[in-house]
Amino acid sequence: MARGEGWCKEMKEVTVNVEVNGVDEATKKAERLVEILKEAKTLADELASVEFEIK
């Protein structure tokens, strides 16, 4: 039998309802992390442009 033969040729639609706990909180934390990383990059850029004098 060739690959695919014997399989149902009719497509069926299936609806699945799922509940995932903690996604909203994880999303908020990820968004906060992005903001912190942007701030860290800004601070790093500012520090990189500072000229230090070593005596």
PDB file of N, CA and C in Angstrom:
ATOM      1  N   MET A   1       0.848  -1.175   0.000  1.00  0.00           N
ATOM      2  CA  MET A   1       0.000   0.000   0.000  1.00  0.00           C
ATOM      3  C   MET A   1       0.894   1.238   0.000  1.00  0.00           C
ATOM      4  N   ALA A   2       0.663   2.160  -0.899  1.00  0.00           N
ATOM      5  CA  ALA A   2       1.455   3.379  -0.999  1.00  0.00           C
ATOM      6  C   ALA A   2       1.121   4.314   0.153  1.00  0.00           C
ATOM      7  N   ARG A   3       2.068   5.181   0.438  1.00  0.00           N
ATOM      8  CA  ARG A   3       1.866   6.120   1.536  1.00  0.00           C
ATOM      9  C   ARG A   3       0.634   6.976   1.271  1.00  0.00           C
ATOM     10  N   GLY A   4      -0.214   7.118   2.268  1.00  0.00           N
ATOM     11  CA  GLY A   4      -1.410   7.923   2.116  1.00  0.00           C
ATOM     12  C   GLY A   4      -2.629   7.130   1.707  1.00  0.00           C
ATOM     13  N   GLU A   5      -2.407   5.966   1.157  1.00  0.00           N
ATOM     14  CA  GLU A   5      -3.548   5.146   0.771  1.00  0.00           C
ATOM     15  C   GLU A   5      -4.185   4.552   2.018  1.00  0.00           C
ATOM     16  N   GLY A   6      -5.466   4.430   1.994  1.00  0.00           N
ATOM     17  CA  GLY A   6      -6.165   3.838   3.118  1.00  0.00           C
ATOM     18  C   GLY A   6      -6.552   4.856   4.184  1.00  0.00           C
ATOM     19  N   TRP A   7      -6.074   6.062   4.034  1.00  0.00           N
ATOM     20  CA  TRP A   7      -6.424   7.115   4.984  1.00  0.00           C
ATOM     21  C   TRP A   7      -7.759   7.719   4.586  1.00  0.00           C
ATOM     22  N   CYS A   8      -8.459   8.252   5.548  1.00  0.00           N
ATOM     23  CA  CYS A   8      -9.729   8.927   5.289  1.00  0.00           C
ATOM     24  C   CYS A   8      -9.476  10.147   4.416  1.00  0.00           C
ATOM     25  N   LYS A   9     -10.186  10.265   3.348  1.00  0.00           N
ATOM     26  CA  LYS A   9      -9.985  11.361   2.415  1.00  0.00           C
ATOM     27  C   LYS A   9     -10.850  12.564   2.770  1.00  0.00           C
ATOM     28  N   GLU A  10     -11.714  12.419   3.745  1.00  0.00           N
ATOM     29  CA  GLU A  10     -12.622  13.485   4.122  1.00  0.00           C
ATOM     30  C   GLU A  10     -12.035  14.275   5.294  1.00  0.00           C
ATOM     31  N   MET A  11     -12.033  15.602   5.167  1.00  0.00           N
ATOM     32  CA  MET A  11     -11.527  16.463   6.240  1.00  0.00           C
ATOM     33  C   MET A  11     -12.671  16.787   7.196  1.00  0.00           C
ATOM     34  N   LYS A  12     -12.383  16.751   8.473  1.00  0.00           N
ATOM     35  CA  LYS A  12     -13.371  17.103   9.491  1.00  0.00           C
ATOM     36  C   LYS A  12     -12.885  18.328  10.246  1.00  0.00           C
ATOM     37  N   GLU A  13     -13.793  19.174  10.675  1.00  0.00           N
ATOM     38  CA  GLU A  13     -13.448  20.348  11.483  1.00  0.00           C
ATOM     39  C   GLU A  13     -13.607  19.977  12.947  1.00  0.00           C
ATOM     40  N   VAL A  14     -12.608  20.345  13.730  1.00  0.00           N
ATOM     41  CA  VAL A  14     -12.624  20.047  15.158  1.00  0.00           C
ATOM     42  C   VAL A  14     -12.410  21.344  15.917  1.00  0.00           C
ATOM     43  N   THR A  15     -13.229  21.598  16.920  1.00  0.00           N
ATOM     44  CA  THR A  15     -13.068  22.763  17.770  1.00  0.00           C
ATOM     45  C   THR A  15     -12.642  22.288  19.144  1.00  0.00           C
ATOM     46  N   VAL A  16     -11.583  22.902  19.646  1.00  0.00           N
ATOM     47  CA  VAL A  16     -11.067  22.529  20.962  1.00  0.00           C
ATOM     48  C   VAL A  16     -11.018  23.786  21.824  1.00  0.00           C
ATOM     49  N   ASN A  17     -11.657  23.754  22.962  1.00  0.00           N
ATOM     50  CA  ASN A  17     -11.603  24.856  23.917  1.00  0.00           C
ATOM     51  C   ASN A  17     -10.563  24.523  24.977  1.00  0.00           C
ATOM     52  N   VAL A  18      -9.657  25.469  25.212  1.00  0.00           N
ATOM     53  CA  VAL A  18      -8.604  25.237  26.190  1.00  0.00           C
ATOM     54  C   VAL A  18      -8.531  26.409  27.151  1.00  0.00           C
ATOM     55  N   GLU A  19      -8.158  26.107  28.362  1.00  0.00           N
ATOM     56  CA  GLU A  19      -7.931  27.146  29.355  1.00  0.00           C
ATOM     57  C   GLU A  19      -6.496  26.994  29.833  1.00  0.00           C
ATOM     58  N   VAL A  20      -5.735  28.076  29.676  1.00  0.00           N
ATOM     59  CA  VAL A  20      -4.340  28.056  30.092  1.00  0.00           C
ATOM     60  C   VAL A  20      -4.181  29.077  31.203  1.00  0.00           C
ATOM     61  N   ASN A  21      -3.797  28.603  32.368  1.00  0.00           N
ATOM     62  CA  ASN A  21      -3.631  29.492  33.521  1.00  0.00           C
ATOM     63  C   ASN A  21      -2.266  30.170  33.484  1.00  0.00           C
ATOM     64  N   GLY A  22      -2.249  31.444  33.864  1.00  0.00           N
ATOM     65  CA  GLY A  22      -0.988  32.153  34.011  1.00  0.00           C
ATOM     66  C   GLY A  22      -0.483  32.858  32.776  1.00  0.00           C
ATOM     67  N   VAL A  23      -1.193  32.777  31.665  1.00  0.00           N
ATOM     68  CA  VAL A  23      -0.710  33.401  30.432  1.00  0.00           C
ATOM     69  C   VAL A  23      -0.711  34.925  30.556  1.00  0.00           C
ATOM     70  N   ASP A  24      -1.757  35.490  31.117  1.00  0.00           N
ATOM     71  CA  ASP A  24      -1.824  36.951  31.259  1.00  0.00           C
ATOM     72  C   ASP A  24      -0.681  37.467  32.126  1.00  0.00           C
ATOM     73  N   GLU A  25      -0.432  36.791  33.229  1.00  0.00           N
ATOM     74  CA  GLU A  25       0.652  37.210  34.123  1.00  0.00           C
ATOM     75  C   GLU A  25       2.005  37.077  33.435  1.00  0.00           C
ATOM     76  N   ALA A  26       2.210  36.000  32.715  1.00  0.00           N
ATOM     77  CA  ALA A  26       3.471  35.795  31.999  1.00  0.00           C
ATOM     78  C   ALA A  26       3.656  36.859  30.916  1.00  0.00           C
ATOM     79  N   THR A  27       2.581  37.226  30.243  1.00  0.00           N
ATOM     80  CA  THR A  27       2.645  38.266  29.214  1.00  0.00           C
ATOM     81  C   THR A  27       3.034  39.603  29.826  1.00  0.00           C
ATOM     82  N   LYS A  28       2.430  39.940  30.955  1.00  0.00           N
ATOM     83  CA  LYS A  28       2.760  41.199  31.637  1.00  0.00           C
ATOM     84  C   LYS A  28       4.225  41.208  32.062  1.00  0.00           C
ATOM     85  N   LYS A  29       4.720  40.085  32.564  1.00  0.00           N
ATOM     86  CA  LYS A  29       6.118  40.002  32.987  1.00  0.00           C
ATOM     87  C   LYS A  29       7.043  40.134  31.783  1.00  0.00           C
ATOM     88  N   ALA A  30       6.683  39.535  30.671  1.00  0.00           N
ATOM     89  CA  ALA A  30       7.497  39.636  29.457  1.00  0.00           C
ATOM     90  C   ALA A  30       7.534  41.077  28.959  1.00  0.00           C
ATOM     91  N   GLU A  31       6.392  41.756  29.002  1.00  0.00           N
ATOM     92  CA  GLU A  31       6.342  43.156  28.585  1.00  0.00           C
ATOM     93  C   GLU A  31       7.196  44.020  29.501  1.00  0.00           C
ATOM     94  N   ARG A  32       7.151  43.745  30.796  1.00  0.00           N
ATOM     95  CA  ARG A  32       7.979  44.486  31.766  1.00  0.00           C
ATOM     96  C   ARG A  32       9.463  44.228  31.497  1.00  0.00           C
ATOM     97  N   LEU A  33       9.810  42.994  31.177  1.00  0.00           N
ATOM     98  CA  LEU A  33      11.192  42.650  30.869  1.00  0.00           C
ATOM     99  C   LEU A  33      11.683  43.426  29.649  1.00  0.00           C
ATOM    100  N   VAL A  34      10.843  43.550  28.632  1.00  0.00           N
ATOM    101  CA  VAL A  34      11.209  44.312  27.436  1.00  0.00           C
ATOM    102  C   VAL A  34      11.501  45.761  27.811  1.00  0.00           C
ATOM    103  N   GLU A  35      10.657  46.350  28.651  1.00  0.00           N
ATOM    104  CA  GLU A  35      10.869  47.730  29.082  1.00  0.00           C
ATOM    105  C   GLU A  35      12.180  47.869  29.856  1.00  0.00           C
ATOM    106  N   ILE A  36      12.465  46.920  30.738  1.00  0.00           N
ATOM    107  CA  ILE A  36      13.706  46.959  31.521  1.00  0.00           C
ATOM    108  C   ILE A  36      14.922  46.826  30.599  1.00  0.00           C
ATOM    109  N   LEU A  37      14.836  45.936  29.609  1.00  0.00           N
ATOM    110  CA  LEU A  37      15.945  45.766  28.670  1.00  0.00           C
ATOM    111  C   LEU A  37      16.176  47.032  27.838  1.00  0.00           C
ATOM    112  N   LYS A  38      15.094  47.708  27.445  1.00  0.00           N
ATOM    113  CA  LYS A  38      15.237  48.969  26.714  1.00  0.00           C
ATOM    114  C   LYS A  38      15.930  50.009  27.573  1.00  0.00           C
ATOM    115  N   GLU A  39      15.526  50.078  28.842  1.00  0.00           N
ATOM    116  CA  GLU A  39      16.144  51.024  29.770  1.00  0.00           C
ATOM    117  C   GLU A  39      17.623  50.683  29.980  1.00  0.00           C
ATOM    118  N   ALA A  40      17.925  49.407  30.116  1.00  0.00           N
ATOM    119  CA  ALA A  40      19.314  48.970  30.300  1.00  0.00           C
ATOM    120  C   ALA A  40      20.156  49.341  29.080  1.00  0.00           C
ATOM    121  N   LYS A  41      19.601  49.182  27.886  1.00  0.00           N
ATOM    122  CA  LYS A  41      20.332  49.532  26.664  1.00  0.00           C
ATOM    123  C   LYS A  41      20.595  51.027  26.625  1.00  0.00           C
ATOM    124  N   THR A  42      19.598  51.823  26.992  1.00  0.00           N
ATOM    125  CA  THR A  42      19.775  53.273  27.023  1.00  0.00           C
ATOM    126  C   THR A  42      20.884  53.657  27.993  1.00  0.00           C
ATOM    127  N   LEU A  43      20.870  53.061  29.186  1.00  0.00           N
ATOM    128  CA  LEU A  43      21.902  53.352  30.178  1.00  0.00           C
ATOM    129  C   LEU A  43      23.285  52.924  29.681  1.00  0.00           C
ATOM    130  N   ALA A  44      23.361  51.767  29.046  1.00  0.00           N
ATOM    131  CA  ALA A  44      24.637  51.279  28.518  1.00  0.00           C
ATOM    132  C   ALA A  44      25.151  52.226  27.429  1.00  0.00           C
ATOM    133  N   ASP A  45      24.266  52.707  26.559  1.00  0.00           N
ATOM    134  CA  ASP A  45      24.661  53.651  25.509  1.00  0.00           C
ATOM    135  C   ASP A  45      25.168  54.954  26.120  1.00  0.00           C
ATOM    136  N   GLU A  46      24.476  55.428  27.162  1.00  0.00           N
ATOM    137  CA  GLU A  46      24.908  56.652  27.836  1.00  0.00           C
ATOM    138  C   GLU A  46      26.280  56.464  28.474  1.00  0.00           C
ATOM    139  N   LEU A  47      26.483  55.333  29.130  1.00  0.00           N
ATOM    140  CA  LEU A  47      27.782  55.063  29.754  1.00  0.00           C
ATOM    141  C   LEU A  47      28.889  54.933  28.710  1.00  0.00           C
ATOM    142  N   ALA A  48      28.555  54.368  27.556  1.00  0.00           N
ATOM    143  CA  ALA A  48      29.543  54.181  26.507  1.00  0.00           C
ATOM    144  C   ALA A  48      29.994  55.519  25.932  1.00  0.00           C
ATOM    145  N   SER A  49      29.154  56.534  26.013  1.00  0.00           N
ATOM    146  CA  SER A  49      29.503  57.831  25.446  1.00  0.00           C
ATOM    147  C   SER A  49      30.218  58.734  26.455  1.00  0.00           C
ATOM    148  N   VAL A  50      30.319  58.310  27.705  1.00  0.00           N
ATOM    149  CA  VAL A  50      30.992  59.103  28.720  1.00  0.00           C
ATOM    150  C   VAL A  50      32.505  58.955  28.542  1.00  0.00           C
ATOM    151  N   GLU A  51      33.185  60.106  28.575  1.00  0.00           N
ATOM    152  CA  GLU A  51      34.641  60.082  28.479  1.00  0.00           C
ATOM    153  C   GLU A  51      35.228  60.197  29.876  1.00  0.00           C
ATOM    154  N   PHE A  52      35.998  59.214  30.262  1.00  0.00           N
ATOM    155  CA  PHE A  52      36.625  59.208  31.576  1.00  0.00           C
ATOM    156  C   PHE A  52      38.058  59.688  31.453  1.00  0.00           C
ATOM    157  N   GLU A  53      38.504  60.380  32.480  1.00  0.00           N
ATOM    158  CA  GLU A  53      39.895  60.814  32.530  1.00  0.00           C
ATOM    159  C   GLU A  53      40.578  60.034  33.646  1.00  0.00           C
ATOM    160  N   ILE A  54      41.600  59.310  33.292  1.00  0.00           N
ATOM    161  CA  ILE A  54      42.330  58.522  34.286  1.00  0.00           C
ATOM    162  C   ILE A  54      43.589  59.299  34.662  1.00  0.00           C
ATOM    163  N   LYS A  55      43.762  59.540  35.951  1.00  0.00           N
ATOM    164  CA  LYS A  55      44.939  60.288  36.434  1.00  0.00           C
ATOM    165  C   LYS A  55      45.877  59.373  37.161  1.00  0.00           C
TER     166      LYS A  55
END
